[in-house]
C-alpha atoms as a PDB file:
ATOM      1  CA  MET A   1       1.998  -4.093 -17.316  1.00  0.00           C
ATOM      2  CA  SER A   2       4.324  -5.886 -19.692  1.00  0.00           C
ATOM      3  CA  HIS A   3       6.485  -2.739 -19.994  1.00  0.00           C
ATOM      4  CA  ILE A   4       7.544  -3.069 -16.341  1.00  0.00           C
ATOM      5  CA  LEU A   5       8.963  -6.526 -16.822  1.00  0.00           C
ATOM      6  CA  PHE A   6      12.105  -5.153 -18.386  1.00  0.00           C
ATOM      7  CA  SER A   7      12.628  -2.188 -16.106  1.00  0.00           C
ATOM      8  CA  GLU A   8      14.983  -1.984 -13.180  1.00  0.00           C
ATOM      9  CA  ALA A   9      13.833  -3.495  -9.872  1.00  0.00           C
ATOM     10  CA  ILE A  10      10.716  -1.566  -8.855  1.00  0.00           C
ATOM     11  CA  ASP A  11       7.874  -1.708  -6.372  1.00  0.00           C
ATOM     12  CA  ILE A  12       4.470  -2.448  -7.862  1.00  0.00           C
ATOM     13  CA  VAL A  13       1.048  -2.110  -6.244  1.00  0.00           C
ATOM     14  CA  CYS A  14      -1.638  -4.211  -7.872  1.00  0.00           C
ATOM     15  CA  PHE A  15      -5.267  -3.363  -7.198  1.00  0.00           C
ATOM     16  CA  TYR A  16      -7.597  -6.381  -7.405  1.00  0.00           C
ATOM     17  CA  PRO A  17     -11.435  -6.303  -7.438  1.00  0.00           C
ATOM     18  CA  THR A  18     -11.537  -9.751  -5.843  1.00  0.00           C
ATOM     19  CA  GLN A  19     -10.290 -11.277  -2.629  1.00  0.00           C
ATOM     20  CA  THR A  20      -8.078 -13.594  -4.629  1.00  0.00           C
ATOM     21  CA  ILE A  21      -4.595 -12.781  -5.945  1.00  0.00           C
ATOM     22  CA  TYR A  22      -3.979 -13.856  -9.511  1.00  0.00           C
ATOM     23  CA  PRO A  23      -0.296 -14.725  -9.455  1.00  0.00           C
ATOM     24  CA  HIS A  24       0.882 -14.351 -13.035  1.00  0.00           C
ATOM     25  CA  PHE A  25       2.711 -11.064 -12.434  1.00  0.00           C
ATOM     26  CA  TYR A  26       3.957 -12.308  -9.016  1.00  0.00           C
ATOM     27  CA  PHE A  27       5.686 -15.286 -10.644  1.00  0.00           C
ATOM     28  CA  LEU A  28       7.163 -13.176 -13.411  1.00  0.00           C
ATOM     29  CA  SER A  29       8.505 -10.764 -10.771  1.00  0.00           C
ATOM     30  CA  LYS A  30      10.325 -13.579  -8.973  1.00  0.00           C
ATOM     31  CA  HIS A  31      12.434 -14.322 -12.018  1.00  0.00           C
ATOM     32  CA  PRO A  32      16.028 -13.971 -10.830  1.00  0.00           C
ATOM     33  CA  GLN A  33      16.897 -11.162 -13.300  1.00  0.00           C
ATOM     34  CA  LEU A  34      13.807  -8.996 -12.606  1.00  0.00           C
ATOM     35  CA  ARG A  35      13.786  -8.453  -8.816  1.00  0.00           C
ATOM     36  CA  HIS A  36      10.507  -6.536  -8.632  1.00  0.00           C
ATOM     37  CA  ASN A  37       8.534  -6.281  -5.429  1.00  0.00           C
ATOM     38  CA  ILE A  38       4.805  -6.703  -5.949  1.00  0.00           C
ATOM     39  CA  HIS A  39       2.272  -5.633  -3.316  1.00  0.00           C
ATOM     40  CA  TYR A  40      -1.410  -6.373  -3.511  1.00  0.00           C
ATOM     41  CA  LEU A  41      -4.465  -4.392  -2.429  1.00  0.00           C
ATOM     42  CA  LEU A  42      -7.601  -6.510  -2.462  1.00  0.00           C
ATOM     43  CA  CYS A  43     -10.325  -3.956  -3.071  1.00  0.00           C
ATOM     44  CA  GLY A  44     -13.615  -5.719  -3.293  1.00  0.00           C
ATOM     45  CA  ASP A  45     -15.785  -8.750  -3.414  1.00  0.00           C
ATOM     46  CA  ALA A  46     -16.157  -9.269  -7.168  1.00  0.00           C
ATOM     47  CA  SER A  47     -16.260 -12.833  -8.398  1.00  0.00           C
ATOM     48  CA  GLU A  48     -14.096 -12.182 -11.492  1.00  0.00           C
ATOM     49  CA  LEU A  49     -11.028 -10.119 -12.297  1.00  0.00           C
ATOM     50  CA  HIS A  50     -12.176  -8.002 -15.232  1.00  0.00           C
ATOM     51  CA  VAL A  51     -14.840  -5.794 -13.662  1.00  0.00           C
ATOM     52  CA  ASN A  52     -15.131  -2.163 -12.610  1.00  0.00           C
ATOM     53  CA  PHE A  53     -14.518  -1.668  -8.922  1.00  0.00           C
ATOM     54  CA  ARG A  54     -14.005   1.012  -6.318  1.00  0.00           C
ATOM     55  CA  VAL A  55     -10.715   1.560  -4.508  1.00  0.00           C
ATOM     56  CA  ASP A  56     -10.534   2.628  -0.875  1.00  0.00           C
ATOM     57  CA  VAL A  57      -8.255   5.610  -1.557  1.00  0.00           C
ATOM     58  CA  PRO A  58      -7.108   6.216   2.076  1.00  0.00           C
ATOM     59  CA  ARG A  59      -6.181   2.532   2.362  1.00  0.00           C
ATOM     60  CA  ALA A  60      -4.362   2.650  -1.007  1.00  0.00           C
ATOM     61  CA  ILE A  61      -2.419   5.768   0.050  1.00  0.00           C
ATOM     62  CA  GLU A  62      -1.425   4.135   3.352  1.00  0.00           C
ATOM     63  CA  GLN A  63      -0.150   1.076   1.552  1.00  0.00           C
ATOM     64  CA  ILE A  64       1.865   3.143  -0.914  1.00  0.00           C
ATOM     65  CA  ARG A  65       3.317   5.256   1.923  1.00  0.00           C
ATOM     66  CA  ARG A  66       4.600   2.029   3.555  1.00  0.00           C
ATOM     67  CA  LEU A  67       6.484   1.295   0.334  1.00  0.00           C
ATOM     68  CA  LEU A  68       8.295   4.656   0.276  1.00  0.00           C
ATOM     69  CA  PRO A  69      11.697   4.916   1.948  1.00  0.00           C
ATOM     70  CA  SER A  70      11.646   6.717   5.298  1.00  0.00           C
END
């Protein structure tokens, strides 16, 4: 994801396998010159971040649709 740090202000959806948000990209996005909007989809009940996990596709599509301009 490092390539997005230097892009124009964008919306980002992060899929997490846990019920905890790891904030490193959130804090980078709040840098005054970056202006990214990060949205989180907590997808599972894993106890660690680096695991395989399933995504609820209808839920992910609904969240992404909310990000799109009307």
